[in-house]
Protein backbone atom coordinates (compact mmCIF):
# COMPACT_ATOMS: atom_id res chain seq x y z
CA MET A 1 -0.08 0.44 0.14
CA PRO A 2 1.23 3.58 -0.58
CA SER A 3 3.57 4.58 1.74
CA ASP A 4 0.99 8.09 2.75
CA GLN A 5 -2.33 5.97 3.57
CA ASP A 6 -4.00 9.84 2.76
CA LYS A 7 -2.51 10.13 -0.20
CA LYS A 8 -5.45 8.52 -2.73
CA ILE A 9 -6.69 8.82 -6.11
CA ALA A 10 -10.24 8.37 -6.78
CA GLY A 11 -11.71 7.44 -10.13
CA ILE A 12 -14.26 5.54 -11.94
CA LEU A 13 -13.84 1.82 -13.47
CA ARG A 14 -15.85 1.47 -16.59
CA PHE A 15 -16.39 -2.12 -18.58
CA THR A 16 -18.00 -3.10 -21.80
CA ASN A 17 -17.53 -6.06 -23.43
CA THR A 18 -17.05 -4.23 -26.60
CA GLU A 19 -14.80 -1.24 -25.69
CA GLY A 20 -12.95 -3.43 -22.60
CA ILE A 21 -11.64 -2.04 -19.33
CA GLN A 22 -11.25 1.57 -19.15
CA LEU A 23 -10.02 3.81 -15.71
CA GLN A 24 -10.65 7.34 -15.93
CA LEU A 25 -8.77 9.01 -13.52
CA VAL A 26 -10.07 12.17 -11.04
CA GLY A 27 -6.51 13.59 -11.06
CA SER A 28 -3.16 12.20 -12.27
CA PHE A 29 -1.21 10.03 -11.10
CA GLN A 30 2.08 12.69 -11.03
CA ASN A 31 0.53 14.66 -9.24
CA PHE A 32 1.05 12.68 -6.46
CA GLY A 33 4.61 11.69 -6.57
CA GLN A 34 6.41 9.06 -4.57
CA SER A 35 2.65 8.22 -2.75
CA PHE A 36 2.65 6.22 -6.13
CA GLY A 37 6.08 5.70 -7.12
CA MET A 38 5.65 7.85 -9.55
CA MET A 39 8.66 10.15 -9.19
CA GLY A 40 11.20 10.35 -12.18
CA GLN A 41 8.59 8.41 -13.97
CA THR A 42 8.06 9.19 -18.11
CA ASN A 43 6.06 6.24 -18.57
CA THR A 44 2.80 6.39 -20.55
CA ASP A 45 1.95 2.37 -19.72
CA ILE A 46 1.78 1.00 -16.31
CA PRO A 47 1.37 -3.00 -15.96
CA ILE A 48 -0.10 -2.63 -12.58
CA ILE A 49 -2.81 -0.55 -10.74
CA LEU A 50 -4.31 -1.53 -7.51
CA GLY A 51 -7.49 -0.19 -6.29
CA ILE A 52 -10.98 -1.64 -4.85
CA VAL A 53 -14.43 -1.57 -6.45
CA ASP A 54 -17.41 -1.29 -3.93
CA LEU A 55 -14.61 -3.34 -1.36
CA ASN A 56 -13.59 -5.84 -4.02
CA ILE A 57 -9.90 -5.49 -4.16
CA ILE A 58 -8.74 -5.53 -8.58
CA ALA A 59 -5.63 -5.67 -9.80
CA LEU A 60 -5.53 -3.44 -13.50
CA CYS A 61 -3.28 -5.19 -15.77
CA ASN A 62 -0.96 -4.29 -18.67
CA CYS A 63 -2.44 -0.71 -18.59
CA ILE A 64 -2.25 2.19 -21.18
CA LYS A 65 -2.29 5.21 -20.70
CA ALA A 66 -4.81 6.69 -23.53
CA ASN A 67 -4.90 10.51 -23.02
CA SER A 68 -4.58 13.13 -19.69
CA GLY A 69 -5.96 16.70 -19.88
CA ILE A 70 -7.06 19.41 -17.92
CA SER A 71 -10.02 21.40 -16.99
CA CYS A 72 -10.71 25.24 -16.62
CA PRO A 73 -10.46 25.43 -12.84
CA GLY A 74 -7.06 23.62 -13.48
CA PHE A 75 -7.79 19.64 -12.62
CA THR A 76 -6.37 17.25 -13.73
CA SER A 77 -7.71 13.85 -15.78
CA GLU A 78 -5.78 10.49 -16.79
CA ARG A 79 -7.73 7.90 -18.93
CA TYR A 80 -6.11 4.13 -18.66
CA TRP A 81 -7.10 1.21 -21.13
CA ALA A 82 -6.26 -2.13 -19.02
CA GLN A 83 -5.98 -5.59 -21.35
CA PHE A 84 -7.38 -7.48 -18.29
CA ALA A 85 -8.67 -6.57 -14.75
CA LEU A 86 -7.93 -9.23 -11.71
CA ILE A 87 -11.54 -8.91 -9.05
CA GLY A 88 -10.31 -10.68 -5.76
CA ARG A 89 -6.19 -10.58 -5.48
CA HIS A 90 -3.83 -8.45 -5.42
CA PHE A 91 -0.48 -8.44 -7.30
CA THR A 92 2.67 -6.06 -6.83
CA GLN A 93 5.19 -6.95 -9.37
CA PRO A 94 4.60 -7.68 -13.09
CA ASP A 95 6.57 -10.60 -12.69
CA GLU A 96 4.14 -12.50 -10.20
CA LEU A 97 1.43 -12.17 -12.65
CA LEU A 98 1.67 -16.36 -13.36
CA PHE A 99 -1.25 -18.85 -12.69
CA ASN A 100 -1.04 -22.94 -12.57
CA LYS A 101 -4.56 -23.46 -13.53
CA ILE A 102 -7.97 -21.48 -14.96
CA ARG A 103 -11.05 -22.45 -14.87
CA VAL A 104 -13.09 -21.06 -18.06
CA GLN A 105 -16.89 -21.80 -18.93
CA TYR A 106 -18.01 -21.20 -22.47
CA ASN A 107 -21.69 -20.84 -23.81
CA TYR A 108 -21.91 -24.14 -25.74
CA LEU A 109 -19.79 -26.18 -23.57
CA SER A 110 -22.96 -27.63 -21.97
CA ASP A 111 -24.12 -28.33 -24.76
CA TRP A 112 -20.90 -30.72 -25.95
CA THR A 113 -20.56 -32.08 -22.91
CA ASN A 114 -24.23 -33.23 -22.94
CA LEU A 115 -25.53 -32.43 -19.58
CA PRO A 116 -27.59 -35.29 -18.29
CA VAL A 117 -31.55 -34.71 -17.72
CA ILE A 118 -33.01 -34.21 -14.30
CA GLN A 119 -35.81 -36.19 -13.74
CA GLU A 120 -38.76 -36.15 -12.03
CA GLU A 121 -39.27 -39.88 -9.45
CA PRO A 122 -41.90 -41.99 -10.86
CA GLU A 123 -45.13 -42.12 -8.80
CA LEU A 124 -45.79 -44.71 -6.49
CA PRO A 125 -48.54 -46.35 -5.75
CA TYR A 126 -48.73 -45.39 -1.87
CA GLN A 127 -47.39 -41.82 -2.68
CA ASP A 128 -49.10 -38.53 -2.34
CA ARG A 129 -48.70 -36.64 -5.17
CA GLU A 130 -50.10 -33.66 -4.01
CA GLN A 131 -47.66 -33.68 -0.77
CA LYS A 132 -44.56 -34.71 -2.81
CA LEU A 133 -42.20 -34.33 -5.04
CA ARG A 134 -39.38 -36.01 -5.71
CA PHE A 135 -36.35 -35.38 -8.17
CA ILE A 136 -33.73 -37.45 -9.03
CA TYR A 137 -29.53 -35.72 -9.83
CA THR A 138 -27.05 -37.66 -11.29
CA ARG A 139 -23.82 -35.50 -11.47
CA PRO A 140 -22.10 -36.75 -14.19
CA LYS A 141 -17.92 -38.48 -13.96
CA LYS A 142 -15.50 -35.48 -14.26
CA ILE A 143 -13.76 -36.58 -17.51
CA GLN A 144 -9.76 -36.21 -17.57
CA ALA A 145 -7.04 -36.05 -20.29
CA THR A 146 -3.68 -35.72 -19.81
CA THR A 147 -1.01 -34.15 -22.65
CA THR A 148 2.48 -32.91 -22.98
CA ASP A 149 1.28 -29.52 -22.43
CA GLY A 150 -0.69 -30.16 -18.94
CA LYS A 151 -3.86 -31.68 -17.49
CA PHE A 152 -7.63 -31.57 -18.65
CA PHE A 153 -11.03 -31.88 -17.24
CA VAL A 154 -14.34 -30.82 -17.82
CA SER A 155 -15.99 -30.62 -14.30
CA HIS A 156 -20.07 -30.53 -13.79
CA ASP A 157 -21.16 -28.10 -11.35
CA TYR A 158 -24.97 -26.82 -10.04
CA SER A 159 -25.48 -23.89 -8.66
CA LYS A 160 -29.05 -23.30 -6.35
CA ALA A 161 -30.49 -20.07 -5.14
CA ASN A 162 -32.76 -21.26 -2.21
CA PHE A 163 -34.25 -23.83 -0.59
CA VAL A 164 -37.83 -22.13 -1.11
CA ASN A 165 -38.12 -21.75 -4.77
CA ILE A 166 -36.49 -25.01 -7.02
CA ASP A 167 -33.81 -23.21 -8.92
CA PHE A 168 -31.09 -25.31 -10.07
CA LYS A 169 -28.42 -24.80 -12.62
CA GLN A 170 -26.50 -27.04 -13.65
CA PHE A 171 -23.24 -26.43 -15.79
CA ALA A 172 -19.58 -27.70 -17.25
CA SER A 173 -16.51 -25.81 -16.82
CA LEU A 174 -13.26 -27.01 -18.56
CA ILE A 175 -10.21 -26.69 -16.09
CA ILE A 176 -6.93 -26.20 -17.31
CA GLU A 177 -3.84 -26.95 -15.48
CA PRO A 178 -0.73 -27.11 -17.93
CA ASN A 179 3.09 -28.14 -16.39
CA GLU A 180 3.87 -24.76 -16.14
CA LYS A 181 3.28 -21.69 -14.58
CA LEU A 182 1.83 -19.27 -17.61
CA TYR A 183 1.35 -15.34 -17.91
CA PHE A 184 -2.58 -14.04 -19.26
CA GLN A 185 -1.72 -13.73 -22.82
CA ASP A 186 0.46 -17.32 -22.81
CA PHE A 187 -2.90 -18.87 -21.48
CA TYR A 188 -5.53 -16.84 -23.75
CA SER A 189 -3.36 -18.12 -27.23
CA LYS A 190 -1.77 -21.53 -25.54
CA PHE A 191 -5.50 -22.92 -24.77
CA ILE A 192 -8.70 -20.31 -24.35
CA HIS A 193 -8.75 -19.41 -27.94
CA PRO A 194 -7.96 -22.62 -29.33
CA PHE A 195 -10.61 -24.27 -27.05
CA ASN A 196 -12.72 -21.63 -28.30
CA ASN A 197 -12.41 -22.09 -31.91
CA PHE A 198 -12.96 -26.13 -31.05
CA ILE A 199 -16.20 -26.00 -29.16
CA THR A 200 -17.63 -23.55 -32.24
CA PHE A 201 -16.44 -26.31 -34.86
CA ALA A 202 -18.19 -29.21 -32.41
CA THR A 203 -21.22 -27.71 -31.90
CA ALA A 204 -21.81 -25.18 -35.09
CA GLN A 205 -22.50 -22.44 -32.74
CA THR A 206 -20.42 -19.23 -32.51
CA ASN A 207 -18.55 -19.65 -29.11
CA CYS A 208 -17.32 -17.43 -26.54
CA VAL A 209 -15.93 -17.11 -23.05
CA ASN A 210 -18.62 -17.01 -19.93
CA LYS A 211 -16.59 -17.05 -17.29
CA LEU A 212 -13.12 -17.40 -16.46
CA GLU A 213 -10.69 -17.66 -13.32
CA PHE A 214 -7.39 -17.63 -12.68
CA TYR A 215 -5.65 -19.49 -9.65
CA SER A 216 -2.22 -18.55 -8.68
CA PRO A 217 -0.64 -18.74 -5.44
CA TYR A 218 1.33 -15.52 -5.60
CA GLY A 219 -0.60 -11.99 -4.29
CA ASN A 220 -2.55 -10.78 -1.55
CA VAL A 221 -6.06 -11.34 -0.71
CA ASP A 222 -8.72 -9.61 1.08
CA ILE A 223 -9.76 -12.95 3.08
CA LYS A 224 -8.77 -13.64 7.19
CA ASN A 225 -8.60 -17.10 8.36
CA CYS A 226 -8.91 -17.94 5.27
CA SER A 227 -8.84 -22.17 5.47
CA HIS A 228 -8.06 -22.17 1.86
CA SER A 229 -4.52 -22.02 0.59
CA LEU A 230 -3.73 -18.94 -2.12
CA ASP A 231 -3.55 -21.16 -5.12
CA GLU A 232 -6.71 -23.11 -4.11
CA ILE A 233 -8.75 -19.14 -3.84
CA PRO A 234 -9.97 -17.98 -7.53
CA ILE A 235 -9.69 -14.87 -9.08
CA LYS A 236 -12.42 -13.94 -11.44
CA CYS A 237 -11.07 -12.17 -14.74
CA LEU A 238 -12.12 -9.97 -16.86
CA TYR A 239 -11.13 -9.09 -20.12
CA LYS A 240 -12.56 -7.18 -23.78
CA ASN A 241 -14.58 -10.30 -25.35
CA GLN A 242 -17.29 -10.52 -27.55
CA TYR A 243 -20.48 -12.26 -27.03
CA PRO A 244 -22.71 -13.58 -29.69
CA HIS A 245 -26.46 -14.41 -29.00
CA ARG A 246 -27.55 -17.41 -27.91
CA LYS A 247 -30.96 -18.17 -28.64
CA ASN A 248 -32.91 -19.23 -24.58
CA LYS A 249 -30.11 -17.75 -22.73
CA ILE A 250 -30.96 -14.67 -20.65
CA ASP A 251 -28.19 -14.07 -19.22
CA TYR A 252 -24.12 -13.77 -19.71
CA LEU A 253 -21.96 -13.94 -16.42
CA LEU A 254 -19.45 -11.59 -18.13
CA ASN A 255 -22.16 -9.62 -20.18
CA GLN A 256 -22.38 -6.11 -18.84
CA LYS A 257 -22.02 -2.85 -18.46
CA CYS A 258 -20.72 -1.47 -15.71
CA SER A 259 -19.09 1.69 -14.20
CA SER A 260 -18.22 1.88 -10.67
CA PRO A 261 -16.60 4.52 -8.37
CA PHE A 262 -12.62 3.01 -8.28
CA MET A 263 -10.29 4.11 -5.55
CA ILE A 264 -6.52 3.78 -6.95
CA LEU A 265 -4.20 2.18 -4.00
CA ARG A 266 -0.92 1.52 -5.86
CA VAL A 267 0.66 1.67 -9.40
CA SER A 268 3.64 -0.64 -10.00
CA PHE A 269 6.40 -0.35 -12.22
CA PRO A 270 8.80 -3.04 -13.42
């Protein structure tokens, strides 16, 4: 965190699927000098910007300065574009941005894995249908494959909202564990994008990423007294992505436009 906790920069963090991640500062990093490690820095690119949005810690990575300006009363502002954002983990150095596992959901992955049907239990002669209904869900076995690049799993999970109304949703996730830790761009070019193309070909439907989580043994979390090790805690990842329309699908986990207050805590340079 900054050497002077009273020196902070506010801003607005915006994310859209088509434009990506944009940070609009109310002020300038140069105005705070040493508090943000900016003394003598003329870089327009910043590897990591750390901040907080809605009580969630966020690391903006590979940030490029788009523009800066000064308004009539003399207020400065800067705008940055980030290649990707990591929610739930702070990294202080670029060489910490290594990941040993990812969990990715594609919008047609569940179609390709052919999820099982949730069955209603047959009615028995002595059963009072007005009093009790029973449903059967058989969770599929995990699919596993090992290649020279690492291990691959197709995991079947489910979510339920509450126990008052039935809201049971099953979905498939692709878990990738490479033989070595990789950076975001390496994961994307080697695994995420090729699998996206494969599922598009296999299902004959334009495919996209619905949800992406990274796992890393590095960084800092805001969880106290956690029983899990650092590399077991998922890190939600946002990045510029295209989300084609899918019939009968109401929402995408990342298909959203958001604009939230952002408090800068620290910037990091190589």
